[in-house]
Amino acid sequence: MGEWWEERSLAQKILLGIGFGILGIGLLALFGWVVMLLWNWLMPELFGLKRLGYWQAWGLLALCTILFKGFGSGHGDNRSDRKRKRHLRRYLREEPPSTEA
């Protein structure tokens, strides 16, 4: 892919960047809209909750991200998980002590 990118002129690179930016914004808008539609389809009928507006759906998404994913990107957690898994594998490979008398 590096060669393909290098063959592009500066104008093509800028247009690709703008195109991908617009696509990303469009997908984010669509994501909020889908959450709003799903909530308004399911929750009032199942649980008697109020319907959500578009920005309320985005607020719900932000709240869920904070509660279930955390604030950071989680890279620190991945390192500690790797260390814990490595320690567990090492522990499992050790042979149990013999019980011969």
N, C-alpha and C. Protein backbone atom coordinates (compact mmCIF):
# COMPACT_ATOMS: atom_id res chain seq x y z
N MET A 1 0.81 -1.18 0.00
CA MET A 1 0.00 0.00 0.00
C MET A 1 0.86 1.25 0.00
N GLY A 2 2.04 1.17 0.56
CA GLY A 2 2.94 2.31 0.60
C GLY A 2 3.25 2.86 -0.77
N GLU A 3 3.47 1.96 -1.73
CA GLU A 3 3.76 2.40 -3.09
C GLU A 3 2.55 3.10 -3.70
N TRP A 4 1.37 2.56 -3.47
CA TRP A 4 0.16 3.17 -4.00
C TRP A 4 -0.01 4.58 -3.48
N TRP A 5 0.24 4.76 -2.19
CA TRP A 5 0.09 6.08 -1.58
C TRP A 5 1.14 7.04 -2.11
N GLU A 6 2.34 6.58 -2.29
CA GLU A 6 3.42 7.46 -2.77
C GLU A 6 3.18 7.92 -4.20
N GLU A 7 2.47 7.14 -5.00
CA GLU A 7 2.21 7.51 -6.39
C GLU A 7 1.17 8.62 -6.50
N ARG A 8 0.42 8.90 -5.47
CA ARG A 8 -0.63 9.92 -5.51
C ARG A 8 -0.04 11.31 -5.38
N SER A 9 -0.66 12.27 -6.07
CA SER A 9 -0.23 13.66 -5.96
C SER A 9 -0.75 14.24 -4.65
N LEU A 10 -0.27 15.42 -4.29
CA LEU A 10 -0.69 16.06 -3.05
C LEU A 10 -2.19 16.36 -3.09
N ALA A 11 -2.70 16.80 -4.23
CA ALA A 11 -4.13 17.10 -4.35
C ALA A 11 -4.97 15.84 -4.14
N GLN A 12 -4.53 14.70 -4.69
CA GLN A 12 -5.26 13.45 -4.50
C GLN A 12 -5.24 13.01 -3.04
N LYS A 13 -4.11 13.19 -2.38
CA LYS A 13 -4.01 12.83 -0.97
C LYS A 13 -4.94 13.70 -0.12
N ILE A 14 -5.01 14.98 -0.44
CA ILE A 14 -5.89 15.88 0.31
C ILE A 14 -7.34 15.50 0.08
N LEU A 15 -7.70 15.23 -1.17
CA LEU A 15 -9.08 14.84 -1.47
C LEU A 15 -9.45 13.52 -0.79
N LEU A 16 -8.52 12.57 -0.77
CA LEU A 16 -8.78 11.31 -0.07
C LEU A 16 -8.99 11.55 1.43
N GLY A 17 -8.17 12.41 2.02
CA GLY A 17 -8.32 12.72 3.44
C GLY A 17 -9.66 13.37 3.73
N ILE A 18 -10.06 14.31 2.89
CA ILE A 18 -11.35 14.97 3.08
C ILE A 18 -12.48 13.95 2.91
N GLY A 19 -12.37 13.10 1.89
CA GLY A 19 -13.39 12.08 1.65
C GLY A 19 -13.54 11.13 2.82
N PHE A 20 -12.41 10.66 3.36
CA PHE A 20 -12.47 9.76 4.51
C PHE A 20 -13.01 10.48 5.74
N GLY A 21 -12.68 11.76 5.90
CA GLY A 21 -13.21 12.54 7.01
C GLY A 21 -14.73 12.66 6.94
N ILE A 22 -15.24 12.98 5.74
CA ILE A 22 -16.69 13.09 5.55
C ILE A 22 -17.36 11.74 5.78
N LEU A 23 -16.73 10.67 5.29
CA LEU A 23 -17.27 9.33 5.50
C LEU A 23 -17.32 8.99 7.00
N GLY A 24 -16.26 9.33 7.73
CA GLY A 24 -16.24 9.06 9.17
C GLY A 24 -17.31 9.82 9.91
N ILE A 25 -17.49 11.10 9.57
CA ILE A 25 -18.52 11.91 10.22
C ILE A 25 -19.91 11.35 9.89
N GLY A 26 -20.10 10.94 8.64
CA GLY A 26 -21.37 10.36 8.24
C GLY A 26 -21.68 9.07 8.99
N LEU A 27 -20.66 8.23 9.16
CA LEU A 27 -20.86 6.99 9.91
C LEU A 27 -21.17 7.25 11.37
N LEU A 28 -20.51 8.24 11.96
CA LEU A 28 -20.82 8.59 13.35
C LEU A 28 -22.26 9.09 13.48
N ALA A 29 -22.68 9.93 12.55
CA ALA A 29 -24.06 10.43 12.59
C ALA A 29 -25.05 9.27 12.43
N LEU A 30 -24.73 8.35 11.54
CA LEU A 30 -25.59 7.19 11.33
C LEU A 30 -25.65 6.32 12.58
N PHE A 31 -24.54 6.19 13.27
CA PHE A 31 -24.48 5.38 14.48
C PHE A 31 -25.41 5.95 15.55
N GLY A 32 -25.37 7.25 15.77
CA GLY A 32 -26.27 7.88 16.74
C GLY A 32 -27.72 7.72 16.35
N TRP A 33 -28.01 7.83 15.06
CA TRP A 33 -29.37 7.68 14.56
C TRP A 33 -29.89 6.26 14.78
N VAL A 34 -29.02 5.25 14.54
CA VAL A 34 -29.41 3.85 14.74
C VAL A 34 -29.69 3.58 16.21
N VAL A 35 -28.87 4.12 17.10
CA VAL A 35 -29.12 3.93 18.54
C VAL A 35 -30.46 4.55 18.93
N MET A 36 -30.74 5.75 18.39
CA MET A 36 -32.01 6.40 18.69
C MET A 36 -33.18 5.55 18.19
N LEU A 37 -33.08 5.05 16.97
CA LEU A 37 -34.17 4.23 16.42
C LEU A 37 -34.38 2.95 17.22
N LEU A 38 -33.29 2.28 17.58
CA LEU A 38 -33.42 1.04 18.36
C LEU A 38 -34.03 1.31 19.73
N TRP A 39 -33.57 2.36 20.38
CA TRP A 39 -34.14 2.69 21.70
C TRP A 39 -35.63 2.97 21.56
N ASN A 40 -35.99 3.82 20.61
CA ASN A 40 -37.39 4.21 20.47
C ASN A 40 -38.28 3.06 19.99
N TRP A 41 -37.69 2.08 19.38
CA TRP A 41 -38.45 0.91 18.94
C TRP A 41 -38.68 -0.07 20.08
N LEU A 42 -37.64 -0.27 20.92
CA LEU A 42 -37.70 -1.30 21.95
C LEU A 42 -38.09 -0.81 23.33
N MET A 43 -37.43 0.20 23.83
CA MET A 43 -37.56 0.55 25.25
C MET A 43 -38.94 1.06 25.67
N PRO A 44 -39.59 1.93 24.91
CA PRO A 44 -40.93 2.36 25.36
C PRO A 44 -41.92 1.20 25.42
N GLU A 45 -41.82 0.29 24.48
CA GLU A 45 -42.75 -0.84 24.43
C GLU A 45 -42.45 -1.87 25.53
N LEU A 46 -41.16 -2.18 25.72
CA LEU A 46 -40.80 -3.22 26.69
C LEU A 46 -40.85 -2.75 28.13
N PHE A 47 -40.32 -1.54 28.39
CA PHE A 47 -40.15 -1.10 29.77
C PHE A 47 -40.93 0.17 30.11
N GLY A 48 -41.66 0.72 29.15
CA GLY A 48 -42.43 1.93 29.40
C GLY A 48 -41.58 3.17 29.57
N LEU A 49 -40.38 3.19 29.00
CA LEU A 49 -39.49 4.34 29.11
C LEU A 49 -39.83 5.38 28.05
N LYS A 50 -39.36 6.60 28.25
CA LYS A 50 -39.62 7.68 27.30
C LYS A 50 -38.79 7.47 26.03
N ARG A 51 -39.25 8.11 24.97
CA ARG A 51 -38.51 8.08 23.71
C ARG A 51 -37.32 9.03 23.80
N LEU A 52 -36.27 8.76 23.03
CA LEU A 52 -35.07 9.59 23.02
C LEU A 52 -35.00 10.43 21.76
N GLY A 53 -34.41 11.60 21.89
CA GLY A 53 -34.06 12.41 20.74
C GLY A 53 -32.66 12.03 20.26
N TYR A 54 -32.24 12.64 19.16
CA TYR A 54 -30.94 12.31 18.58
C TYR A 54 -29.80 12.59 19.55
N TRP A 55 -29.78 13.78 20.15
CA TRP A 55 -28.66 14.13 21.04
C TRP A 55 -28.74 13.37 22.35
N GLN A 56 -29.92 13.00 22.77
CA GLN A 56 -30.05 12.16 23.96
C GLN A 56 -29.46 10.77 23.70
N ALA A 57 -29.64 10.27 22.47
CA ALA A 57 -29.04 8.98 22.11
C ALA A 57 -27.52 9.08 22.15
N TRP A 58 -26.96 10.21 21.69
CA TRP A 58 -25.52 10.40 21.77
C TRP A 58 -25.05 10.48 23.22
N GLY A 59 -25.84 11.13 24.06
CA GLY A 59 -25.50 11.17 25.49
C GLY A 59 -25.50 9.78 26.10
N LEU A 60 -26.47 8.97 25.71
CA LEU A 60 -26.52 7.59 26.20
C LEU A 60 -25.30 6.80 25.74
N LEU A 61 -24.90 7.00 24.49
CA LEU A 61 -23.69 6.33 23.99
C LEU A 61 -22.45 6.75 24.77
N ALA A 62 -22.34 8.05 25.05
CA ALA A 62 -21.19 8.54 25.82
C ALA A 62 -21.20 7.95 27.23
N LEU A 63 -22.37 7.91 27.86
CA LEU A 63 -22.47 7.34 29.20
C LEU A 63 -22.10 5.87 29.21
N CYS A 64 -22.58 5.11 28.23
CA CYS A 64 -22.25 3.69 28.15
C CYS A 64 -20.76 3.48 27.93
N THR A 65 -20.15 4.34 27.13
CA THR A 65 -18.71 4.24 26.89
C THR A 65 -17.94 4.46 28.18
N ILE A 66 -18.35 5.47 28.94
CA ILE A 66 -17.67 5.77 30.20
C ILE A 66 -17.86 4.61 31.19
N LEU A 67 -19.07 4.11 31.30
CA LEU A 67 -19.36 3.08 32.30
C LEU A 67 -18.76 1.73 31.96
N PHE A 68 -18.83 1.34 30.69
CA PHE A 68 -18.45 -0.02 30.32
C PHE A 68 -17.08 -0.13 29.68
N LYS A 69 -16.54 0.95 29.15
CA LYS A 69 -15.25 0.88 28.49
C LYS A 69 -14.18 1.63 29.26
N GLY A 70 -14.53 2.62 30.00
CA GLY A 70 -13.58 3.41 30.74
C GLY A 70 -13.18 4.66 29.96
N PHE A 71 -12.44 5.54 30.61
CA PHE A 71 -12.06 6.80 29.99
C PHE A 71 -10.94 6.63 28.97
N GLY A 72 -9.89 5.89 29.34
CA GLY A 72 -8.73 5.76 28.47
C GLY A 72 -8.93 4.74 27.39
N SER A 73 -7.86 4.57 26.62
CA SER A 73 -7.93 3.61 25.52
C SER A 73 -7.70 2.19 26.01
N GLY A 74 -7.27 2.03 27.24
CA GLY A 74 -7.12 0.70 27.81
C GLY A 74 -5.77 0.06 27.54
N HIS A 75 -4.80 0.85 27.04
CA HIS A 75 -3.50 0.25 26.74
C HIS A 75 -2.79 -0.22 28.00
N GLY A 76 -2.95 0.51 29.10
CA GLY A 76 -2.32 0.09 30.34
C GLY A 76 -2.88 -1.23 30.83
N ASP A 77 -4.18 -1.41 30.66
CA ASP A 77 -4.82 -2.66 31.08
C ASP A 77 -4.30 -3.83 30.24
N ASN A 78 -4.07 -3.60 28.95
CA ASN A 78 -3.58 -4.68 28.10
C ASN A 78 -2.20 -5.15 28.54
N ARG A 79 -1.35 -4.21 28.95
CA ARG A 79 -0.02 -4.61 29.39
C ARG A 79 -0.10 -5.43 30.67
N SER A 80 -0.93 -5.02 31.61
CA SER A 80 -1.03 -5.78 32.85
C SER A 80 -1.68 -7.13 32.59
N ASP A 81 -2.61 -7.20 31.64
CA ASP A 81 -3.21 -8.48 31.28
C ASP A 81 -2.17 -9.42 30.69
N ARG A 82 -1.33 -8.89 29.80
CA ARG A 82 -0.28 -9.73 29.20
C ARG A 82 0.66 -10.26 30.28
N LYS A 83 1.03 -9.40 31.21
CA LYS A 83 1.93 -9.83 32.28
C LYS A 83 1.26 -10.91 33.13
N ARG A 84 -0.02 -10.71 33.45
CA ARG A 84 -0.73 -11.69 34.25
C ARG A 84 -0.85 -13.02 33.52
N LYS A 85 -1.16 -12.99 32.21
CA LYS A 85 -1.29 -14.22 31.43
C LYS A 85 0.05 -14.94 31.31
N ARG A 86 1.13 -14.18 31.12
CA ARG A 86 2.46 -14.79 31.03
C ARG A 86 2.81 -15.50 32.35
N HIS A 87 2.50 -14.84 33.46
CA HIS A 87 2.76 -15.44 34.77
C HIS A 87 1.93 -16.71 34.95
N LEU A 88 0.67 -16.68 34.52
CA LEU A 88 -0.20 -17.85 34.64
C LEU A 88 0.31 -19.00 33.78
N ARG A 89 0.74 -18.71 32.54
CA ARG A 89 1.29 -19.78 31.68
C ARG A 89 2.53 -20.40 32.31
N ARG A 90 3.39 -19.57 32.87
CA ARG A 90 4.61 -20.07 33.51
C ARG A 90 4.23 -20.96 34.70
N TYR A 91 3.24 -20.55 35.46
CA TYR A 91 2.78 -21.33 36.61
C TYR A 91 2.21 -22.67 36.16
N LEU A 92 1.45 -22.68 35.06
CA LEU A 92 0.83 -23.92 34.59
C LEU A 92 1.86 -24.87 34.00
N ARG A 93 2.96 -24.35 33.47
CA ARG A 93 4.00 -25.23 32.90
C ARG A 93 4.84 -25.92 33.97
N GLU A 94 4.88 -25.34 35.16
CA GLU A 94 5.68 -25.95 36.23
C GLU A 94 5.09 -27.32 36.57
N GLU A 95 5.97 -28.24 36.83
CA GLU A 95 5.53 -29.58 37.20
C GLU A 95 5.15 -29.59 38.67
N PRO A 96 4.09 -30.31 38.99
CA PRO A 96 3.70 -30.38 40.41
C PRO A 96 4.75 -31.17 41.18
N PRO A 97 4.91 -30.86 42.45
CA PRO A 97 5.87 -31.60 43.27
C PRO A 97 5.45 -33.06 43.40
N SER A 98 6.43 -33.93 43.40
CA SER A 98 6.10 -35.36 43.50
C SER A 98 5.63 -35.68 44.91
N THR A 99 4.75 -36.66 45.01
CA THR A 99 4.20 -37.04 46.30
C THR A 99 4.75 -38.37 46.79
N GLU A 100 5.88 -38.77 46.23
CA GLU A 100 6.49 -40.05 46.64
C GLU A 100 7.07 -39.92 48.03
N ALA A 101 6.95 -40.96 48.81
CA ALA A 101 7.48 -40.93 50.18
C ALA A 101 8.68 -41.81 50.33
